[in-house]
Structure formats: C-alpha cells, structure tokens
C-alpha atoms as a PDB file:
ATOM      1  CA  MET A   1       7.721 -31.050  -5.048  1.00  0.00           C
ATOM      2  CA  ALA A   2       4.268 -30.712  -3.515  1.00  0.00           C
ATOM      3  CA  THR A   3       1.498 -32.899  -4.811  1.00  0.00           C
ATOM      4  CA  THR A   4      -1.924 -31.541  -5.686  1.00  0.00           C
ATOM      5  CA  THR A   5      -3.418 -33.215  -2.621  1.00  0.00           C
ATOM      6  CA  GLU A   6      -1.258 -31.221  -0.202  1.00  0.00           C
ATOM      7  CA  LYS A   7      -2.800 -28.095   1.249  1.00  0.00           C
ATOM      8  CA  PHE A   8      -0.774 -24.891   0.927  1.00  0.00           C
ATOM      9  CA  GLN A   9       0.562 -23.701   4.256  1.00  0.00           C
ATOM     10  CA  PRO A  10       1.623 -20.056   4.240  1.00  0.00           C
ATOM     11  CA  PRO A  11       4.825 -19.275   6.124  1.00  0.00           C
ATOM     12  CA  THR A  12       4.636 -17.958   9.649  1.00  0.00           C
ATOM     13  CA  VAL A  13       5.799 -14.367   9.404  1.00  0.00           C
ATOM     14  CA  PRO A  14       7.418 -12.687  12.438  1.00  0.00           C
ATOM     15  CA  ARG A  15       5.154 -10.149  14.132  1.00  0.00           C
ATOM     16  CA  ASP A  16       5.663  -7.364  16.635  1.00  0.00           C
ATOM     17  CA  SER A  17       4.043  -7.079  20.074  1.00  0.00           C
ATOM     18  CA  GLU A  18       0.920  -5.477  18.546  1.00  0.00           C
ATOM     19  CA  GLY A  19       0.421  -8.297  16.033  1.00  0.00           C
ATOM     20  CA  PHE A  20       1.648  -6.400  12.977  1.00  0.00           C
ATOM     21  CA  VAL A  21       4.250  -7.869  10.638  1.00  0.00           C
ATOM     22  CA  LYS A  22       7.740  -7.028  11.864  1.00  0.00           C
ATOM     23  CA  SER A  23       8.975  -3.754  10.381  1.00  0.00           C
ATOM     24  CA  PHE A  24      12.414  -2.244   9.929  1.00  0.00           C
ATOM     25  CA  ASN A  25      13.760   1.311  10.188  1.00  0.00           C
ATOM     26  CA  LEU A  26      16.129   1.836   7.285  1.00  0.00           C
ATOM     27  CA  SER A  27      17.423   5.327   8.003  1.00  0.00           C
ATOM     28  CA  SER A  28      20.510   4.957   5.803  1.00  0.00           C
ATOM     29  CA  TYR A  29      21.940   2.516   3.270  1.00  0.00           C
ATOM     30  CA  ASP A  30      24.243   0.982   5.869  1.00  0.00           C
ATOM     31  CA  CYS A  31      22.211   1.364   9.066  1.00  0.00           C
ATOM     32  CA  PRO A  32      22.237  -1.477  11.629  1.00  0.00           C
ATOM     33  CA  GLU A  33      18.834  -2.821  10.493  1.00  0.00           C
ATOM     34  CA  ALA A  34      19.727  -2.884   6.782  1.00  0.00           C
ATOM     35  CA  ASP A  35      21.070  -6.447   6.806  1.00  0.00           C
ATOM     36  CA  ASP A  36      18.088  -7.693   8.841  1.00  0.00           C
ATOM     37  CA  GLY A  37      15.601  -5.972   6.519  1.00  0.00           C
ATOM     38  CA  CYS A  38      17.301  -7.428   3.443  1.00  0.00           C
ATOM     39  CA  ALA A  39      17.379 -10.917   4.990  1.00  0.00           C
ATOM     40  CA  PHE A  40      13.653 -10.652   5.790  1.00  0.00           C
ATOM     41  CA  PHE A  41      12.962  -9.622   2.185  1.00  0.00           C
ATOM     42  CA  ASP A  42      15.040 -12.525   0.859  1.00  0.00           C
ATOM     43  CA  GLN A  43      13.199 -15.016   3.071  1.00  0.00           C
ATOM     44  CA  TYR A  44       9.594 -13.802   2.743  1.00  0.00           C
ATOM     45  CA  GLY A  45       9.559 -11.864  -0.538  1.00  0.00           C
ATOM     46  CA  PHE A  46       8.390  -8.628   1.092  1.00  0.00           C
ATOM     47  CA  VAL A  47       9.518  -6.299   3.842  1.00  0.00           C
ATOM     48  CA  VAL A  48       7.741  -3.594   5.839  1.00  0.00           C
ATOM     49  CA  ILE A  49       9.753  -0.396   6.194  1.00  0.00           C
ATOM     50  CA  ALA A  50       8.650   1.883   9.043  1.00  0.00           C
ATOM     51  CA  ASN A  51       8.814   5.664   9.144  1.00  0.00           C
ATOM     52  CA  VAL A  52       9.305   6.248   5.421  1.00  0.00           C
ATOM     53  CA  PHE A  53       6.830   9.130   5.492  1.00  0.00           C
ATOM     54  CA  THR A  54       6.360  11.721   8.222  1.00  0.00           C
ATOM     55  CA  SER A  55       3.001  12.119   9.951  1.00  0.00           C
ATOM     56  CA  LYS A  56       2.441  15.273   7.890  1.00  0.00           C
ATOM     57  CA  GLN A  57       3.176  13.432   4.626  1.00  0.00           C
ATOM     58  CA  CYS A  58       0.759  10.670   5.651  1.00  0.00           C
ATOM     59  CA  ALA A  59      -2.011  13.170   6.435  1.00  0.00           C
ATOM     60  CA  GLU A  60      -1.438  14.990   3.133  1.00  0.00           C
ATOM     61  CA  THR A  61      -1.491  11.690   1.226  1.00  0.00           C
ATOM     62  CA  ILE A  62      -4.708  10.551   2.906  1.00  0.00           C
ATOM     63  CA  SER A  63      -6.299  13.885   2.010  1.00  0.00           C
ATOM     64  CA  ASP A  64      -5.069  13.525  -1.584  1.00  0.00           C
ATOM     65  CA  ILE A  65      -6.539  10.017  -1.845  1.00  0.00           C
ATOM     66  CA  TRP A  66      -9.920  11.358  -0.739  1.00  0.00           C
ATOM     67  CA  ASN A  67      -9.610  14.326  -3.123  1.00  0.00           C
ATOM     68  CA  VAL A  68      -9.036  11.927  -6.025  1.00  0.00           C
ATOM     69  CA  PHE A  69     -11.895   9.679  -4.884  1.00  0.00           C
ATOM     70  CA  GLU A  70     -14.288  12.597  -4.533  1.00  0.00           C
ATOM     71  CA  SER A  71     -13.345  13.954  -7.960  1.00  0.00           C
ATOM     72  CA  PHE A  72     -14.561  10.661  -9.452  1.00  0.00           C
ATOM     73  CA  ALA A  73     -17.592  10.394  -7.147  1.00  0.00           C
ATOM     74  CA  GLU A  74     -18.452  14.050  -7.858  1.00  0.00           C
ATOM     75  CA  GLN A  75     -19.407  14.499  -4.230  1.00  0.00           C
ATOM     76  CA  SER A  76     -17.797  14.964  -0.818  1.00  0.00           C
ATOM     77  CA  THR A  77     -17.929  11.518   0.784  1.00  0.00           C
ATOM     78  CA  ARG A  78     -14.951  11.204   3.136  1.00  0.00           C
ATOM     79  CA  ASN A  79     -16.868  11.969   6.321  1.00  0.00           C
ATOM     80  CA  ASP A  80     -20.067  10.025   5.647  1.00  0.00           C
ATOM     81  CA  GLU A  81     -19.810   6.240   5.362  1.00  0.00           C
ATOM     82  CA  ASN A  82     -23.461   6.141   4.266  1.00  0.00           C
ATOM     83  CA  LEU A  83     -22.269   7.609   0.961  1.00  0.00           C
ATOM     84  CA  TRP A  84     -19.834   4.741   0.355  1.00  0.00           C
ATOM     85  CA  ASP A  85     -22.414   2.756  -1.591  1.00  0.00           C
ATOM     86  CA  ALA A  86     -21.748   0.681  -4.701  1.00  0.00           C
ATOM     87  CA  GLN A  87     -23.174   3.270  -7.089  1.00  0.00           C
ATOM     88  CA  ARG A  88     -20.772   6.011  -5.987  1.00  0.00           C
ATOM     89  CA  TRP A  89     -17.859   3.590  -5.592  1.00  0.00           C
ATOM     90  CA  ARG A  90     -18.256   2.358  -9.188  1.00  0.00           C
ATOM     91  CA  ARG A  91     -17.736   5.912 -10.436  1.00  0.00           C
ATOM     92  CA  THR A  92     -14.226   5.874  -8.965  1.00  0.00           C
ATOM     93  CA  GLY A  93     -12.801   3.045 -11.022  1.00  0.00           C
ATOM     94  CA  HIS A  94     -12.827  -0.548  -9.900  1.00  0.00           C
ATOM     95  CA  GLU A  95     -15.266  -1.200  -7.083  1.00  0.00           C
ATOM     96  CA  GLN A  96     -14.146  -4.724  -6.140  1.00  0.00           C
ATOM     97  CA  VAL A  97     -10.393  -4.102  -6.308  1.00  0.00           C
ATOM     98  CA  GLY A  98     -10.214  -0.612  -4.809  1.00  0.00           C
ATOM     99  CA  LEU A  99      -8.258   1.042  -7.612  1.00  0.00           C
ATOM    100  CA  LEU A 100      -9.064   4.683  -8.247  1.00  0.00           C
ATOM    101  CA  GLY A 101      -9.346   5.550 -11.908  1.00  0.00           C
ATOM    102  CA  ASN A 102      -8.188   3.744 -15.003  1.00  0.00           C
ATOM    103  CA  ALA A 103      -4.914   5.569 -15.588  1.00  0.00           C
ATOM    104  CA  SER A 104      -1.862   6.724 -13.662  1.00  0.00           C
ATOM    105  CA  LEU A 105      -2.431   9.665 -11.347  1.00  0.00           C
ATOM    106  CA  TRP A 106      -0.213  12.741 -11.433  1.00  0.00           C
ATOM    107  CA  THR A 107      -1.212  14.696  -8.350  1.00  0.00           C
ATOM    108  CA  ARG A 108       1.319  16.896  -6.601  1.00  0.00           C
ATOM    109  CA  GLN A 109       1.298  14.619  -3.538  1.00  0.00           C
ATOM    110  CA  ILE A 110       1.963  11.449  -5.524  1.00  0.00           C
ATOM    111  CA  ILE A 111       4.954  13.101  -7.193  1.00  0.00           C
ATOM    112  CA  LEU A 112       6.267  14.387  -3.852  1.00  0.00           C
ATOM    113  CA  ASN A 113       5.889  10.916  -2.314  1.00  0.00           C
ATOM    114  CA  ARG A 114       7.907   9.325  -5.132  1.00  0.00           C
ATOM    115  CA  GLN A 115      10.762  11.753  -4.386  1.00  0.00           C
ATOM    116  CA  THR A 116      10.929  11.209  -0.629  1.00  0.00           C
ATOM    117  CA  PRO A 117      14.571  10.476   0.285  1.00  0.00           C
ATOM    118  CA  ALA A 118      13.562   7.887   2.905  1.00  0.00           C
ATOM    119  CA  LEU A 119      11.599   5.975   0.257  1.00  0.00           C
ATOM    120  CA  HIS A 120      14.647   5.917  -2.015  1.00  0.00           C
ATOM    121  CA  THR A 121      16.799   4.731   0.889  1.00  0.00           C
ATOM    122  CA  ALA A 122      14.380   1.901   1.685  1.00  0.00           C
ATOM    123  CA  PHE A 123      14.152   0.594  -1.881  1.00  0.00           C
ATOM    124  CA  ALA A 124      17.854   1.097  -2.615  1.00  0.00           C
ATOM    125  CA  THR A 125      18.805  -0.802   0.534  1.00  0.00           C
ATOM    126  CA  VAL A 126      16.518  -3.759  -0.109  1.00  0.00           C
ATOM    127  CA  LEU A 127      17.220  -3.952  -3.846  1.00  0.00           C
ATOM    128  CA  GLY A 128      20.965  -3.396  -3.460  1.00  0.00           C
ATOM    129  CA  THR A 129      21.280  -0.454  -5.858  1.00  0.00           C
ATOM    130  CA  ARG A 130      20.876   3.306  -5.659  1.00  0.00           C
ATOM    131  CA  LYS A 131      20.013   3.474  -9.363  1.00  0.00           C
ATOM    132  CA  LEU A 132      16.240   3.271  -9.193  1.00  0.00           C
ATOM    133  CA  LEU A 133      13.636   3.975 -11.826  1.00  0.00           C
ATOM    134  CA  THR A 134      10.186   4.926 -10.573  1.00  0.00           C
ATOM    135  CA  ASN A 135       6.862   4.636 -12.278  1.00  0.00           C
ATOM    136  CA  HIS A 136       3.524   6.233 -11.593  1.00  0.00           C
ATOM    137  CA  ASP A 137       0.484   4.301 -10.590  1.00  0.00           C
ATOM    138  CA  ARG A 138      -2.843   4.833  -8.905  1.00  0.00           C
ATOM    139  CA  TYR A 139      -4.155   4.943  -5.392  1.00  0.00           C
ATOM    140  CA  ALA A 140      -6.234   2.137  -3.946  1.00  0.00           C
ATOM    141  CA  LEU A 141      -8.995   2.715  -1.414  1.00  0.00           C
ATOM    142  CA  PHE A 142     -10.997  -0.097   0.153  1.00  0.00           C
ATOM    143  CA  ARG A 143     -14.239   0.323   2.046  1.00  0.00           C
ATOM    144  CA  PRO A 144     -14.535  -1.406   5.433  1.00  0.00           C
ATOM    145  CA  ALA A 145     -16.232  -4.748   4.852  1.00  0.00           C
ATOM    146  CA  GLN A 146     -16.691  -6.083   8.386  1.00  0.00           C
ATOM    147  CA  MET A 147     -20.368  -5.106   8.503  1.00  0.00           C
ATOM    148  CA  HIS A 148     -20.915  -5.054   4.720  1.00  0.00           C
ATOM    149  CA  SER A 149     -19.832  -8.341   3.153  1.00  0.00           C
ATOM    150  CA  GLU A 150     -20.805  -7.064  -0.308  1.00  0.00           C
ATOM    151  CA  ARG A 151     -17.892  -4.628  -0.035  1.00  0.00           C
ATOM    152  CA  GLY A 152     -15.327  -7.397   0.207  1.00  0.00           C
ATOM    153  CA  THR A 153     -12.373  -7.486  -2.137  1.00  0.00           C
ATOM    154  CA  VAL A 154     -12.400 -10.137  -4.832  1.00  0.00           C
ATOM    155  CA  THR A 155     -10.480 -13.252  -3.836  1.00  0.00           C
ATOM    156  CA  ASN A 156      -7.024 -14.015  -5.203  1.00  0.00           C
ATOM    157  CA  LEU A 157      -6.451 -10.333  -6.025  1.00  0.00           C
ATOM    158  CA  HIS A 158      -3.011  -9.471  -7.369  1.00  0.00           C
ATOM    159  CA  LEU A 159      -2.301  -5.805  -8.076  1.00  0.00           C
END
C-alpha cells in the first residue's frame, strides 16, 4: 500500500506514431482486435475505439453541438472565437466544466448516435454483453485555453 509521502505516478499508456493513445478497430464482436481492446480496457480502465462514427456522422454531431450551444447563447458564435467570452459561455450551462445545459439533451443527432451499430459493437465487445442499456446525457464543449488561461477547465474534474 502506498504511503502518503509517495507521489502518484500515472501509468505509461501505449501511444501510436502520432502520439495519440493507442486505439482499436472493433468492427465485430469477434474481430481480431477484440481481445486486444478488452485487454487494454482491463489494464488501463479505458479504451479508445476508432471509427465508431463515419465522417458524416462526426460532422453532423459537431454541427448539432454548436446548434445546442448557440440556442443557449442566443447568438451564432461557432465561427467567431471573439464571441467565446465568459458572459456568453455562462449562458450555456457550466462554464468551467464545459457541460451544455442542466438537463439531458434529446436532439435528433444524439438519439441517432446512441443507435449507431458500431457504437453498440464497441461497448458490447468491451463489456462482454450485447444486452446494453443506454442513457441520455449532455454534450460538453471546451474553449481553447492555450492563449486564454481563464478558460481552463477546473482541476480534478470528473464527469
């Protein structure tokens, strides 16, 4: 057991050639990468699944996120970073944690995303069951903070 004087050392997670965390393509429940993806999940407590959504689904989801954001901000903001100030961001929900709204969202795109067969395959493979129950949540949207430290996410954030 670690003592309180020992400093936490996070595990070294395998990365790809571009520096991203290693991802897995789980195209079917028994595909060749299924065992490797499950082993990664067992070891690290998370797994990155690639290609769950098509490029079109990603573009439609990004547009939906901005539509939700702009409905709270009451203004078109997606193409003008100068409008991403604290006052407008606060209107969207939780400025420091990026959550949009205070309740579950029920947009068409969110519902379509939850029903994507590749998403079911990924979760069913990693969790070891095809009997999945989904819930509905919210989107999160974080402003770039590299040049605006006041935009940073609160530390020790667990969503």
